[in-house]
């Protein structure tokens, strides 16, 4: 990803993954986007 791995871009990827997995019925214990944001502070 190099220069494209900005905070915003990675956050968007996790948000899309959260939504996609939820639509597919995959149970998640937590939001990947939320965990990422909390750990990047």
PDB file of N, CA and C in Angstrom:
ATOM      1  N   UNK A   1       0.823  -1.190   0.000  1.00  0.00           N
ATOM      2  CA  UNK A   1       0.000   0.000   0.000  1.00  0.00           C
ATOM      3  C   UNK A   1       0.867   1.253   0.000  1.00  0.00           C
ATOM      4  N   UNK A   2       1.972   1.189   0.649  1.00  0.00           N
ATOM      5  CA  UNK A   2       2.932   2.306   0.670  1.00  0.00           C
ATOM      6  C   UNK A   2       2.257   3.627   1.009  1.00  0.00           C
ATOM      7  N   UNK A   3       2.353   4.599   0.115  1.00  0.00           N
ATOM      8  CA  UNK A   3       1.814   5.940   0.392  1.00  0.00           C
ATOM      9  C   UNK A   3       0.293   5.965   0.469  1.00  0.00           C
ATOM     10  N   UNK A   4      -0.353   4.940  -0.030  1.00  0.00           N
ATOM     11  CA  UNK A   4      -1.819   4.891   0.017  1.00  0.00           C
ATOM     12  C   UNK A   4      -2.341   4.420   1.362  1.00  0.00           C
ATOM     13  N   UNK A   5      -1.475   3.971   2.242  1.00  0.00           N
ATOM     14  CA  UNK A   5      -1.904   3.459   3.541  1.00  0.00           C
ATOM     15  C   UNK A   5      -2.070   4.595   4.543  1.00  0.00           C
ATOM     16  N   UNK A   6      -2.880   5.575   4.168  1.00  0.00           N
ATOM     17  CA  UNK A   6      -3.159   6.677   5.082  1.00  0.00           C
ATOM     18  C   UNK A   6      -4.177   6.221   6.117  1.00  0.00           C
ATOM     19  N   UNK A   7      -4.279   6.966   7.184  1.00  0.00           N
ATOM     20  CA  UNK A   7      -5.253   6.648   8.225  1.00  0.00           C
ATOM     21  C   UNK A   7      -6.650   6.544   7.621  1.00  0.00           C
ATOM     22  N   UNK A   8      -7.012   7.522   6.799  1.00  0.00           N
ATOM     23  CA  UNK A   8      -8.352   7.543   6.215  1.00  0.00           C
ATOM     24  C   UNK A   8      -8.600   6.315   5.334  1.00  0.00           C
ATOM     25  N   UNK A   9      -7.652   5.973   4.479  1.00  0.00           N
ATOM     26  CA  UNK A   9      -7.835   4.836   3.575  1.00  0.00           C
ATOM     27  C   UNK A   9      -7.954   3.509   4.323  1.00  0.00           C
ATOM     28  N   UNK A  10      -7.109   3.301   5.313  1.00  0.00           N
ATOM     29  CA  UNK A  10      -7.166   2.052   6.085  1.00  0.00           C
ATOM     30  C   UNK A  10      -8.467   1.984   6.874  1.00  0.00           C
ATOM     31  N   UNK A  11      -8.878   3.119   7.413  1.00  0.00           N
ATOM     32  CA  UNK A  11     -10.140   3.178   8.152  1.00  0.00           C
ATOM     33  C   UNK A  11     -11.311   2.820   7.237  1.00  0.00           C
ATOM     34  N   UNK A  12     -11.303   3.337   6.029  1.00  0.00           N
ATOM     35  CA  UNK A  12     -12.362   3.030   5.067  1.00  0.00           C
ATOM     36  C   UNK A  12     -12.399   1.544   4.728  1.00  0.00           C
ATOM     37  N   UNK A  13     -11.233   0.923   4.567  1.00  0.00           N
ATOM     38  CA  UNK A  13     -11.173  -0.515   4.267  1.00  0.00           C
ATOM     39  C   UNK A  13     -11.815  -1.307   5.400  1.00  0.00           C
ATOM     40  N   UNK A  14     -11.477  -0.967   6.634  1.00  0.00           N
ATOM     41  CA  UNK A  14     -12.065  -1.684   7.766  1.00  0.00           C
ATOM     42  C   UNK A  14     -13.572  -1.444   7.859  1.00  0.00           C
ATOM     43  N   UNK A  15     -14.023  -0.239   7.561  1.00  0.00           N
ATOM     44  CA  UNK A  15     -15.459   0.054   7.593  1.00  0.00           C
ATOM     45  C   UNK A  15     -16.200  -0.777   6.551  1.00  0.00           C
ATOM     46  N   UNK A  16     -15.636  -0.877   5.355  1.00  0.00           N
ATOM     47  CA  UNK A  16     -16.261  -1.673   4.294  1.00  0.00           C
ATOM     48  C   UNK A  16     -16.255  -3.153   4.660  1.00  0.00           C
ATOM     49  N   UNK A  17     -15.162  -3.626   5.224  1.00  0.00           N
ATOM     50  CA  UNK A  17     -15.102  -5.030   5.656  1.00  0.00           C
ATOM     51  C   UNK A  17     -16.139  -5.307   6.730  1.00  0.00           C
ATOM     52  N   UNK A  18     -16.284  -4.407   7.694  1.00  0.00           N
ATOM     53  CA  UNK A  18     -17.302  -4.565   8.740  1.00  0.00           C
ATOM     54  C   UNK A  18     -18.689  -4.731   8.110  1.00  0.00           C
ATOM     55  N   UNK A  19     -19.015  -3.841   7.181  1.00  0.00           N
ATOM     56  CA  UNK A  19     -20.322  -3.868   6.544  1.00  0.00           C
ATOM     57  C   UNK A  19     -20.531  -5.113   5.699  1.00  0.00           C
ATOM     58  N   UNK A  20     -19.522  -5.486   4.940  1.00  0.00           N
ATOM     59  CA  UNK A  20     -19.630  -6.662   4.071  1.00  0.00           C
ATOM     60  C   UNK A  20     -19.813  -7.930   4.884  1.00  0.00           C
ATOM     61  N   UNK A  21     -19.002  -8.089   5.917  1.00  0.00           N
ATOM     62  CA  UNK A  21     -19.115  -9.288   6.748  1.00  0.00           C
ATOM     63  C   UNK A  21     -20.468  -9.342   7.458  1.00  0.00           C
ATOM     64  N   UNK A  22     -20.967  -8.193   7.885  1.00  0.00           N
ATOM     65  CA  UNK A  22     -22.277  -8.153   8.536  1.00  0.00           C
ATOM     66  C   UNK A  22     -23.374  -8.580   7.559  1.00  0.00           C
ATOM     67  N   UNK A  23     -23.312  -8.095   6.319  1.00  0.00           N
ATOM     68  CA  UNK A  23     -24.304  -8.467   5.307  1.00  0.00           C
ATOM     69  C   UNK A  23     -24.229  -9.953   4.956  1.00  0.00           C
ATOM     70  N   UNK A  24     -23.041 -10.526   5.086  1.00  0.00           N
ATOM     71  CA  UNK A  24     -22.879 -11.951   4.808  1.00  0.00           C
ATOM     72  C   UNK A  24     -23.270 -12.822   5.996  1.00  0.00           C
ATOM     73  N   UNK A  25     -23.577 -12.191   7.124  1.00  0.00           N
ATOM     74  CA  UNK A  25     -24.003 -12.930   8.299  1.00  0.00           C
ATOM     75  C   UNK A  25     -22.869 -13.437   9.170  1.00  0.00           C
ATOM     76  N   UNK A  26     -21.679 -12.893   8.967  1.00  0.00           N
ATOM     77  CA  UNK A  26     -20.537 -13.308   9.776  1.00  0.00           C
ATOM     78  C   UNK A  26     -20.590 -12.549  11.103  1.00  0.00           C
ATOM     79  N   UNK A  27     -20.687 -13.267  12.210  1.00  0.00           N
ATOM     80  CA  UNK A  27     -20.766 -12.578  13.500  1.00  0.00           C
ATOM     81  C   UNK A  27     -19.401 -11.998  13.910  1.00  0.00           C
ATOM     82  N   UNK A  28     -19.385 -10.722  14.167  1.00  0.00           N
ATOM     83  CA  UNK A  28     -18.161 -10.069  14.630  1.00  0.00           C
ATOM     84  C   UNK A  28     -18.333  -9.684  16.089  1.00  0.00           C
ATOM     85  N   UNK A  29     -17.298  -9.879  16.856  1.00  0.00           N
ATOM     86  CA  UNK A  29     -17.350  -9.510  18.269  1.00  0.00           C
ATOM     87  C   UNK A  29     -17.183  -8.014  18.455  1.00  0.00           C
ATOM     88  N   UNK A  30     -16.550  -7.349  17.486  1.00  0.00           N
ATOM     89  CA  UNK A  30     -16.316  -5.912  17.567  1.00  0.00           C
ATOM     90  C   UNK A  30     -16.109  -5.359  16.162  1.00  0.00           C
ATOM     91  N   UNK A  31     -16.197  -4.058  16.042  1.00  0.00           N
ATOM     92  CA  UNK A  31     -15.979  -3.386  14.773  1.00  0.00           C
ATOM     93  C   UNK A  31     -14.477  -3.210  14.536  1.00  0.00           C
ATOM     94  N   UNK A  32     -14.019  -3.697  13.386  1.00  0.00           N
ATOM     95  CA  UNK A  32     -12.595  -3.542  13.058  1.00  0.00           C
ATOM     96  C   UNK A  32     -12.240  -2.066  12.911  1.00  0.00           C
ATOM     97  N   UNK A  33     -13.161  -1.286  12.339  1.00  0.00           N
ATOM     98  CA  UNK A  33     -12.918   0.152  12.175  1.00  0.00           C
ATOM     99  C   UNK A  33     -12.754   0.827  13.537  1.00  0.00           C
ATOM    100  N   UNK A  34     -13.629   0.508  14.465  1.00  0.00           N
ATOM    101  CA  UNK A  34     -13.571   1.121  15.799  1.00  0.00           C
ATOM    102  C   UNK A  34     -12.274   0.751  16.515  1.00  0.00           C
ATOM    103  N   UNK A  35     -11.902  -0.520  16.445  1.00  0.00           N
ATOM    104  CA  UNK A  35     -10.658  -0.957  17.097  1.00  0.00           C
ATOM    105  C   UNK A  35      -9.453  -0.265  16.475  1.00  0.00           C
ATOM    106  N   UNK A  36      -9.441  -0.163  15.148  1.00  0.00           N
ATOM    107  CA  UNK A  36      -8.346   0.515  14.465  1.00  0.00           C
ATOM    108  C   UNK A  36      -8.230   1.960  14.921  1.00  0.00           C
ATOM    109  N   UNK A  37      -9.376   2.676  14.928  1.00  0.00           N
ATOM    110  CA  UNK A  37      -9.362   4.082  15.323  1.00  0.00           C
ATOM    111  C   UNK A  37      -8.911   4.263  16.770  1.00  0.00           C
ATOM    112  N   UNK A  38      -9.371   3.395  17.644  1.00  0.00           N
ATOM    113  CA  UNK A  38      -8.982   3.494  19.056  1.00  0.00           C
ATOM    114  C   UNK A  38      -7.493   3.271  19.253  1.00  0.00           C
ATOM    115  N   UNK A  39      -6.907   2.381  18.457  1.00  0.00           N
ATOM    116  CA  UNK A  39      -5.499   2.067  18.620  1.00  0.00           C
ATOM    117  C   UNK A  39      -4.571   3.004  17.865  1.00  0.00           C
ATOM    118  N   UNK A  40      -5.122   3.857  17.019  1.00  0.00           N
ATOM    119  CA  UNK A  40      -4.291   4.799  16.266  1.00  0.00           C
ATOM    120  C   UNK A  40      -4.205   6.162  16.945  1.00  0.00           C
ATOM    121  N   UNK A  41      -4.822   6.299  18.083  1.00  0.00           N
ATOM    122  CA  UNK A  41      -4.784   7.602  18.799  1.00  0.00           C
ATOM    123  C   UNK A  41      -3.445   7.817  19.417  1.00  0.00           C
TER     124      UNK A  41
END
